[in-house]
Amino acid sequence: MDNVLVDFTTGIEKLDKATIHEFEGRLDEVPNIFSLMEPYHNAIESVHKLAEKYDLYILSTAPWLNSSSWTHKLEWVHKYFGKEKDSLFYKRLILSHNKNLNAGDYLIDDRPNNGAEDFKGKWIHFGSQEFPDWEAVTAYLFSKASSS
């Protein structure tokens, strides 16, 4: 989620200077930080397009020392994708510190951390030169879906 679907900086921009100073170097531990964040440009639209071709899940790591983050990540998914039984990610949010334990063809993630680089399928490095944004990711995955 973070820095892939969710633009982490949009949450930081909503914090006061005292909070930023208090949590310097560990801003992901700010209580309620994840409830403040906005989606990346074209993230929501791209995910809906990809859902036409792929069976999608959200796989994210939540800060161990910020228990509110677990709840707020789920609430973020509810806000942007719905929470009803027929919504796109109904019961399809996985929170794990070991992403390589999950199975799939592709993992879209911004960093190699938490097992992303050891994922058994292809790791799509979001924000890299090859995959700088959702347009590039969507085009790549649609080309792969067409060739299968």
N, C-alpha and C. Protein backbone atom coordinates (compact mmCIF):
# COMPACT_ATOMS: atom_id res chain seq x y z
N MET A 1 0.82 -1.20 0.00
CA MET A 1 0.00 0.00 0.00
C MET A 1 0.87 1.26 0.00
N ASP A 2 1.72 1.38 1.00
CA ASP A 2 2.47 2.62 1.22
C ASP A 2 3.42 2.90 0.07
N ASN A 3 3.29 4.09 -0.47
CA ASN A 3 4.10 4.56 -1.59
C ASN A 3 3.91 3.73 -2.85
N VAL A 4 2.77 3.05 -2.93
CA VAL A 4 2.35 2.35 -4.15
C VAL A 4 0.91 2.76 -4.44
N LEU A 5 -0.01 2.36 -3.59
CA LEU A 5 -1.39 2.85 -3.68
C LEU A 5 -1.55 4.16 -2.93
N VAL A 6 -0.89 4.23 -1.79
CA VAL A 6 -1.03 5.34 -0.85
C VAL A 6 0.19 6.25 -0.92
N ASP A 7 -0.06 7.53 -1.11
CA ASP A 7 1.02 8.52 -1.13
C ASP A 7 1.32 8.93 0.31
N PHE A 8 2.35 8.31 0.88
CA PHE A 8 2.70 8.53 2.29
C PHE A 8 2.93 10.00 2.60
N THR A 9 3.52 10.75 1.66
CA THR A 9 3.83 12.15 1.92
C THR A 9 2.57 12.99 2.16
N THR A 10 1.44 12.58 1.60
CA THR A 10 0.22 13.36 1.81
C THR A 10 -0.24 13.30 3.27
N GLY A 11 0.10 12.23 3.95
CA GLY A 11 -0.20 12.15 5.39
C GLY A 11 0.75 13.00 6.19
N ILE A 12 2.02 12.97 5.84
CA ILE A 12 3.03 13.76 6.54
C ILE A 12 2.74 15.25 6.42
N GLU A 13 2.30 15.66 5.23
CA GLU A 13 1.99 17.08 4.99
C GLU A 13 0.87 17.59 5.89
N LYS A 14 0.07 16.70 6.44
CA LYS A 14 -1.05 17.09 7.29
C LYS A 14 -0.68 17.12 8.78
N LEU A 15 0.56 16.76 9.10
CA LEU A 15 1.01 16.76 10.49
C LEU A 15 1.53 18.13 10.90
N ASP A 16 1.42 18.44 12.17
CA ASP A 16 2.02 19.69 12.67
C ASP A 16 3.51 19.47 12.90
N LYS A 17 4.25 20.57 13.00
CA LYS A 17 5.71 20.50 13.12
C LYS A 17 6.15 19.79 14.39
N ALA A 18 5.41 19.96 15.47
CA ALA A 18 5.78 19.31 16.73
C ALA A 18 5.72 17.79 16.60
N THR A 19 4.69 17.28 15.93
CA THR A 19 4.56 15.83 15.73
C THR A 19 5.66 15.32 14.82
N ILE A 20 5.96 16.05 13.77
CA ILE A 20 7.03 15.65 12.85
C ILE A 20 8.36 15.57 13.61
N HIS A 21 8.61 16.55 14.47
CA HIS A 21 9.85 16.56 15.26
C HIS A 21 9.87 15.39 16.26
N GLU A 22 8.76 15.16 16.93
CA GLU A 22 8.68 14.08 17.94
C GLU A 22 8.91 12.70 17.33
N PHE A 23 8.41 12.49 16.11
CA PHE A 23 8.50 11.17 15.47
C PHE A 23 9.54 11.13 14.35
N GLU A 24 10.49 12.06 14.37
CA GLU A 24 11.50 12.12 13.32
C GLU A 24 12.20 10.77 13.15
N GLY A 25 12.27 10.32 11.89
CA GLY A 25 12.91 9.05 11.58
C GLY A 25 11.99 7.85 11.75
N ARG A 26 10.79 8.07 12.25
CA ARG A 26 9.83 6.97 12.45
C ARG A 26 8.40 7.50 12.29
N LEU A 27 8.19 8.26 11.23
CA LEU A 27 6.89 8.89 11.00
C LEU A 27 5.77 7.87 10.80
N ASP A 28 6.10 6.65 10.42
CA ASP A 28 5.06 5.64 10.28
C ASP A 28 4.50 5.19 11.63
N GLU A 29 5.09 5.66 12.72
CA GLU A 29 4.59 5.35 14.06
C GLU A 29 3.67 6.44 14.61
N VAL A 30 3.47 7.52 13.86
CA VAL A 30 2.55 8.58 14.31
C VAL A 30 1.14 7.99 14.39
N PRO A 31 0.50 8.10 15.55
CA PRO A 31 -0.87 7.59 15.64
C PRO A 31 -1.76 8.22 14.57
N ASN A 32 -2.55 7.41 13.92
CA ASN A 32 -3.52 7.83 12.91
C ASN A 32 -2.92 8.31 11.58
N ILE A 33 -1.61 8.18 11.39
CA ILE A 33 -0.97 8.69 10.17
C ILE A 33 -1.60 8.09 8.92
N PHE A 34 -1.94 6.82 8.97
CA PHE A 34 -2.45 6.16 7.77
C PHE A 34 -3.86 6.62 7.41
N SER A 35 -4.57 7.18 8.36
CA SER A 35 -5.91 7.68 8.05
C SER A 35 -5.86 9.02 7.32
N LEU A 36 -4.70 9.64 7.29
CA LEU A 36 -4.54 10.96 6.67
C LEU A 36 -4.11 10.91 5.20
N MET A 37 -3.74 9.74 4.73
CA MET A 37 -3.10 9.63 3.42
C MET A 37 -4.09 9.54 2.26
N GLU A 38 -3.64 10.05 1.12
CA GLU A 38 -4.42 10.06 -0.12
C GLU A 38 -3.84 9.03 -1.09
N PRO A 39 -4.63 8.59 -2.05
CA PRO A 39 -4.09 7.66 -3.06
C PRO A 39 -3.15 8.36 -4.03
N TYR A 40 -2.25 7.57 -4.60
CA TYR A 40 -1.39 8.06 -5.68
C TYR A 40 -2.23 8.36 -6.91
N HIS A 41 -1.70 9.26 -7.73
CA HIS A 41 -2.36 9.62 -8.99
C HIS A 41 -2.58 8.35 -9.83
N ASN A 42 -3.81 8.14 -10.25
CA ASN A 42 -4.24 7.02 -11.10
C ASN A 42 -4.19 5.65 -10.44
N ALA A 43 -3.88 5.59 -9.15
CA ALA A 43 -3.79 4.28 -8.48
C ALA A 43 -5.14 3.58 -8.45
N ILE A 44 -6.17 4.26 -8.02
CA ILE A 44 -7.48 3.63 -7.87
C ILE A 44 -8.02 3.19 -9.23
N GLU A 45 -7.93 4.07 -10.22
CA GLU A 45 -8.41 3.75 -11.56
C GLU A 45 -7.63 2.58 -12.17
N SER A 46 -6.32 2.59 -11.97
CA SER A 46 -5.49 1.52 -12.52
C SER A 46 -5.82 0.17 -11.89
N VAL A 47 -6.02 0.16 -10.60
CA VAL A 47 -6.37 -1.09 -9.91
C VAL A 47 -7.70 -1.63 -10.43
N HIS A 48 -8.67 -0.77 -10.65
CA HIS A 48 -9.95 -1.22 -11.19
C HIS A 48 -9.77 -1.81 -12.60
N LYS A 49 -8.92 -1.19 -13.41
CA LYS A 49 -8.65 -1.74 -14.75
C LYS A 49 -7.97 -3.10 -14.65
N LEU A 50 -6.98 -3.21 -13.76
CA LEU A 50 -6.24 -4.46 -13.61
C LEU A 50 -7.14 -5.58 -13.08
N ALA A 51 -8.14 -5.22 -12.31
CA ALA A 51 -9.07 -6.22 -11.76
C ALA A 51 -9.88 -6.91 -12.86
N GLU A 52 -9.94 -6.30 -14.04
CA GLU A 52 -10.62 -6.92 -15.17
C GLU A 52 -9.83 -8.12 -15.70
N LYS A 53 -8.52 -8.15 -15.46
CA LYS A 53 -7.64 -9.20 -15.99
C LYS A 53 -6.99 -10.06 -14.92
N TYR A 54 -6.91 -9.54 -13.69
CA TYR A 54 -6.15 -10.21 -12.63
C TYR A 54 -6.99 -10.39 -11.36
N ASP A 55 -6.63 -11.39 -10.59
CA ASP A 55 -7.19 -11.64 -9.27
C ASP A 55 -6.31 -10.89 -8.28
N LEU A 56 -6.79 -9.78 -7.73
CA LEU A 56 -5.96 -8.87 -6.96
C LEU A 56 -6.16 -8.98 -5.45
N TYR A 57 -5.06 -8.77 -4.73
CA TYR A 57 -5.05 -8.64 -3.27
C TYR A 57 -4.17 -7.45 -2.94
N ILE A 58 -4.40 -6.87 -1.77
CA ILE A 58 -3.49 -5.85 -1.26
C ILE A 58 -2.64 -6.52 -0.20
N LEU A 59 -1.32 -6.43 -0.36
CA LEU A 59 -0.36 -6.99 0.58
C LEU A 59 0.45 -5.83 1.12
N SER A 60 0.41 -5.63 2.43
CA SER A 60 1.09 -4.48 3.02
C SER A 60 1.71 -4.86 4.35
N THR A 61 2.70 -4.11 4.72
CA THR A 61 3.32 -4.23 6.04
C THR A 61 2.83 -3.07 6.88
N ALA A 62 2.50 -3.34 8.11
CA ALA A 62 2.08 -2.28 9.03
C ALA A 62 3.14 -2.15 10.13
N PRO A 63 3.45 -0.92 10.51
CA PRO A 63 4.46 -0.73 11.55
C PRO A 63 4.10 -1.50 12.83
N TRP A 64 5.05 -2.24 13.33
CA TRP A 64 4.84 -3.09 14.50
C TRP A 64 4.49 -2.28 15.74
N LEU A 65 5.03 -1.07 15.85
CA LEU A 65 4.83 -0.25 17.04
C LEU A 65 3.72 0.79 16.87
N ASN A 66 2.90 0.63 15.84
CA ASN A 66 1.79 1.55 15.62
C ASN A 66 0.54 0.73 15.35
N SER A 67 -0.10 0.30 16.42
CA SER A 67 -1.25 -0.59 16.26
C SER A 67 -2.41 0.08 15.52
N SER A 68 -2.51 1.40 15.56
CA SER A 68 -3.59 2.07 14.83
C SER A 68 -3.41 1.91 13.32
N SER A 69 -2.18 1.67 12.87
CA SER A 69 -1.93 1.56 11.43
C SER A 69 -2.67 0.37 10.84
N TRP A 70 -2.80 -0.72 11.58
CA TRP A 70 -3.48 -1.92 11.08
C TRP A 70 -4.94 -1.58 10.78
N THR A 71 -5.58 -0.90 11.71
CA THR A 71 -6.98 -0.50 11.53
C THR A 71 -7.12 0.54 10.43
N HIS A 72 -6.23 1.52 10.42
CA HIS A 72 -6.36 2.59 9.44
C HIS A 72 -6.06 2.13 8.02
N LYS A 73 -5.23 1.14 7.86
CA LYS A 73 -5.01 0.60 6.51
C LYS A 73 -6.29 -0.06 6.00
N LEU A 74 -6.95 -0.82 6.86
CA LEU A 74 -8.22 -1.43 6.48
C LEU A 74 -9.26 -0.35 6.17
N GLU A 75 -9.33 0.67 6.99
CA GLU A 75 -10.29 1.76 6.75
C GLU A 75 -9.98 2.49 5.46
N TRP A 76 -8.70 2.63 5.11
CA TRP A 76 -8.31 3.27 3.86
C TRP A 76 -8.84 2.44 2.68
N VAL A 77 -8.68 1.13 2.76
CA VAL A 77 -9.20 0.25 1.70
C VAL A 77 -10.71 0.40 1.61
N HIS A 78 -11.39 0.43 2.74
CA HIS A 78 -12.85 0.62 2.74
C HIS A 78 -13.22 1.94 2.08
N LYS A 79 -12.51 3.00 2.41
CA LYS A 79 -12.82 4.33 1.88
C LYS A 79 -12.69 4.39 0.36
N TYR A 80 -11.61 3.81 -0.17
CA TYR A 80 -11.34 3.96 -1.60
C TYR A 80 -11.83 2.81 -2.48
N PHE A 81 -12.12 1.66 -1.86
CA PHE A 81 -12.57 0.51 -2.66
C PHE A 81 -13.89 -0.08 -2.17
N GLY A 82 -14.42 0.41 -1.06
CA GLY A 82 -15.67 -0.10 -0.52
C GLY A 82 -15.45 -1.20 0.50
N LYS A 83 -16.49 -1.44 1.30
CA LYS A 83 -16.37 -2.48 2.33
C LYS A 83 -17.47 -3.53 2.22
N GLU A 84 -18.30 -3.41 1.22
CA GLU A 84 -19.38 -4.35 1.02
C GLU A 84 -18.84 -5.68 0.48
N LYS A 85 -19.62 -6.73 0.60
CA LYS A 85 -19.19 -8.05 0.16
C LYS A 85 -18.82 -8.10 -1.32
N ASP A 86 -19.41 -7.25 -2.12
CA ASP A 86 -19.11 -7.26 -3.55
C ASP A 86 -18.02 -6.24 -3.94
N SER A 87 -17.40 -5.61 -2.95
CA SER A 87 -16.34 -4.64 -3.26
C SER A 87 -15.07 -5.36 -3.68
N LEU A 88 -14.22 -4.67 -4.38
CA LEU A 88 -13.03 -5.25 -5.00
C LEU A 88 -12.12 -5.99 -4.01
N PHE A 89 -11.88 -5.40 -2.86
CA PHE A 89 -10.92 -5.99 -1.93
C PHE A 89 -11.58 -6.52 -0.66
N TYR A 90 -12.83 -6.94 -0.75
CA TYR A 90 -13.51 -7.52 0.41
C TYR A 90 -12.73 -8.74 0.88
N LYS A 91 -12.22 -8.66 2.09
CA LYS A 91 -11.41 -9.73 2.70
C LYS A 91 -10.19 -10.10 1.86
N ARG A 92 -9.62 -9.08 1.18
CA ARG A 92 -8.43 -9.29 0.34
C ARG A 92 -7.31 -8.33 0.72
N LEU A 93 -7.22 -8.02 2.00
CA LEU A 93 -6.12 -7.23 2.54
C LEU A 93 -5.28 -8.15 3.40
N ILE A 94 -4.00 -8.28 3.07
CA ILE A 94 -3.07 -9.12 3.82
C ILE A 94 -2.02 -8.20 4.43
N LEU A 95 -1.89 -8.24 5.75
CA LEU A 95 -0.86 -7.48 6.45
C LEU A 95 0.20 -8.47 6.92
N SER A 96 1.43 -8.29 6.42
CA SER A 96 2.49 -9.24 6.73
C SER A 96 3.85 -8.55 6.69
N HIS A 97 4.74 -8.98 7.55
CA HIS A 97 6.11 -8.49 7.52
C HIS A 97 7.00 -9.39 6.68
N ASN A 98 6.39 -10.40 6.06
CA ASN A 98 7.13 -11.36 5.24
C ASN A 98 6.39 -11.57 3.92
N LYS A 99 6.53 -10.61 3.02
CA LYS A 99 5.78 -10.66 1.77
C LYS A 99 6.15 -11.86 0.90
N ASN A 100 7.34 -12.39 1.08
CA ASN A 100 7.77 -13.54 0.29
C ASN A 100 7.02 -14.82 0.67
N LEU A 101 6.27 -14.82 1.76
CA LEU A 101 5.48 -15.99 2.14
C LEU A 101 4.17 -16.09 1.34
N ASN A 102 3.83 -15.02 0.64
CA ASN A 102 2.60 -14.99 -0.15
C ASN A 102 2.88 -15.45 -1.57
N ALA A 103 1.86 -16.03 -2.19
CA ALA A 103 2.00 -16.56 -3.55
C ALA A 103 1.30 -15.64 -4.54
N GLY A 104 1.84 -15.57 -5.73
CA GLY A 104 1.23 -14.80 -6.79
C GLY A 104 2.17 -14.67 -7.97
N ASP A 105 1.65 -14.14 -9.05
CA ASP A 105 2.47 -13.93 -10.24
C ASP A 105 3.26 -12.63 -10.16
N TYR A 106 2.65 -11.60 -9.55
CA TYR A 106 3.27 -10.28 -9.50
C TYR A 106 3.08 -9.67 -8.12
N LEU A 107 4.07 -8.91 -7.70
CA LEU A 107 4.00 -8.09 -6.49
C LEU A 107 4.45 -6.69 -6.88
N ILE A 108 3.58 -5.73 -6.68
CA ILE A 108 3.92 -4.33 -6.96
C ILE A 108 4.31 -3.71 -5.63
N ASP A 109 5.57 -3.31 -5.52
CA ASP A 109 6.06 -2.74 -4.25
C ASP A 109 7.16 -1.74 -4.56
N ASP A 110 7.31 -0.76 -3.67
CA ASP A 110 8.28 0.30 -3.90
C ASP A 110 9.66 0.00 -3.35
N ARG A 111 9.78 -1.02 -2.50
CA ARG A 111 11.08 -1.32 -1.89
C ARG A 111 11.29 -2.83 -1.83
N PRO A 112 12.55 -3.26 -1.73
CA PRO A 112 12.82 -4.69 -1.64
C PRO A 112 12.61 -5.26 -0.24
N ASN A 113 12.27 -4.41 0.69
CA ASN A 113 12.15 -4.79 2.11
C ASN A 113 11.03 -5.78 2.37
N ASN A 114 11.08 -6.37 3.56
CA ASN A 114 10.02 -7.27 4.05
C ASN A 114 9.71 -8.40 3.08
N GLY A 115 10.74 -8.89 2.42
CA GLY A 115 10.57 -10.05 1.55
C GLY A 115 10.14 -9.76 0.14
N ALA A 116 9.95 -8.49 -0.22
CA ALA A 116 9.50 -8.18 -1.58
C ALA A 116 10.48 -8.68 -2.64
N GLU A 117 11.78 -8.49 -2.41
CA GLU A 117 12.75 -8.92 -3.41
C GLU A 117 12.89 -10.44 -3.48
N ASP A 118 12.38 -11.15 -2.47
CA ASP A 118 12.42 -12.61 -2.45
C ASP A 118 11.09 -13.24 -2.85
N PHE A 119 10.15 -12.42 -3.27
CA PHE A 119 8.85 -12.89 -3.71
C PHE A 119 9.04 -13.87 -4.87
N LYS A 120 8.31 -14.97 -4.87
CA LYS A 120 8.50 -16.03 -5.88
C LYS A 120 8.06 -15.62 -7.29
N GLY A 121 7.09 -14.74 -7.40
CA GLY A 121 6.70 -14.23 -8.72
C GLY A 121 7.59 -13.07 -9.12
N LYS A 122 7.13 -12.24 -10.03
CA LYS A 122 7.91 -11.07 -10.45
C LYS A 122 7.61 -9.89 -9.55
N TRP A 123 8.66 -9.30 -9.02
CA TRP A 123 8.53 -8.07 -8.24
C TRP A 123 8.56 -6.89 -9.20
N ILE A 124 7.48 -6.13 -9.25
CA ILE A 124 7.41 -4.91 -10.04
C ILE A 124 7.80 -3.77 -9.11
N HIS A 125 8.96 -3.19 -9.37
CA HIS A 125 9.52 -2.16 -8.50
C HIS A 125 8.88 -0.80 -8.81
N PHE A 126 7.80 -0.51 -8.09
CA PHE A 126 7.06 0.73 -8.30
C PHE A 126 7.95 1.93 -7.94
N GLY A 127 7.93 2.93 -8.81
CA GLY A 127 8.75 4.12 -8.59
C GLY A 127 10.13 4.02 -9.21
N SER A 128 10.44 2.86 -9.78
CA SER A 128 11.74 2.68 -10.45
C SER A 128 11.69 3.30 -11.83
N GLN A 129 12.83 3.28 -12.51
CA GLN A 129 12.88 3.82 -13.88
C GLN A 129 11.96 3.03 -14.80
N GLU A 130 11.91 1.73 -14.62
CA GLU A 130 11.06 0.89 -15.48
C GLU A 130 9.58 1.05 -15.16
N PHE A 131 9.26 1.24 -13.89
CA PHE A 131 7.86 1.35 -13.44
C PHE A 131 7.69 2.61 -12.59
N PRO A 132 7.80 3.79 -13.19
CA PRO A 132 7.76 5.03 -12.40
C PRO A 132 6.39 5.40 -11.86
N ASP A 133 5.32 4.88 -12.47
CA ASP A 133 3.97 5.29 -12.08
C ASP A 133 2.96 4.21 -12.46
N TRP A 134 1.71 4.50 -12.13
CA TRP A 134 0.66 3.51 -12.39
C TRP A 134 0.41 3.29 -13.87
N GLU A 135 0.64 4.29 -14.70
CA GLU A 135 0.45 4.11 -16.14
C GLU A 135 1.41 3.04 -16.68
N ALA A 136 2.67 3.10 -16.24
CA ALA A 136 3.67 2.13 -16.69
C ALA A 136 3.35 0.73 -16.17
N VAL A 137 2.95 0.64 -14.91
CA VAL A 137 2.61 -0.67 -14.32
C VAL A 137 1.42 -1.28 -15.05
N THR A 138 0.39 -0.49 -15.28
CA THR A 138 -0.81 -0.98 -15.94
C THR A 138 -0.52 -1.43 -17.37
N ALA A 139 0.24 -0.64 -18.09
CA ALA A 139 0.59 -1.01 -19.47
C ALA A 139 1.37 -2.32 -19.48
N TYR A 140 2.32 -2.47 -18.59
CA TYR A 140 3.12 -3.69 -18.53
C TYR A 140 2.23 -4.90 -18.22
N LEU A 141 1.40 -4.78 -17.20
CA LEU A 141 0.57 -5.93 -16.81
C LEU A 141 -0.48 -6.26 -17.85
N PHE A 142 -1.00 -5.26 -18.55
CA PHE A 142 -1.95 -5.55 -19.63
C PHE A 142 -1.25 -6.24 -20.78
N SER A 143 0.00 -5.88 -21.05
CA SER A 143 0.73 -6.56 -22.12
C SER A 143 0.99 -8.01 -21.75
N LYS A 144 1.23 -8.29 -20.48
CA LYS A 144 1.46 -9.65 -20.03
C LYS A 144 0.15 -10.46 -20.06
N ALA A 145 -0.96 -9.84 -19.71
CA ALA A 145 -2.25 -10.53 -19.73
C ALA A 145 -2.66 -10.86 -21.16
N SER A 146 -2.31 -9.99 -22.10
CA SER A 146 -2.67 -10.22 -23.50
C SER A 146 -1.85 -11.34 -24.12
N SER A 147 -0.61 -11.49 -23.64
CA SER A 147 0.27 -12.50 -24.23
C SER A 147 0.11 -13.89 -23.59
N SER A 148 -0.73 -13.99 -22.55
CA SER A 148 -0.92 -15.30 -21.91
C SER A 148 -2.05 -16.08 -22.52
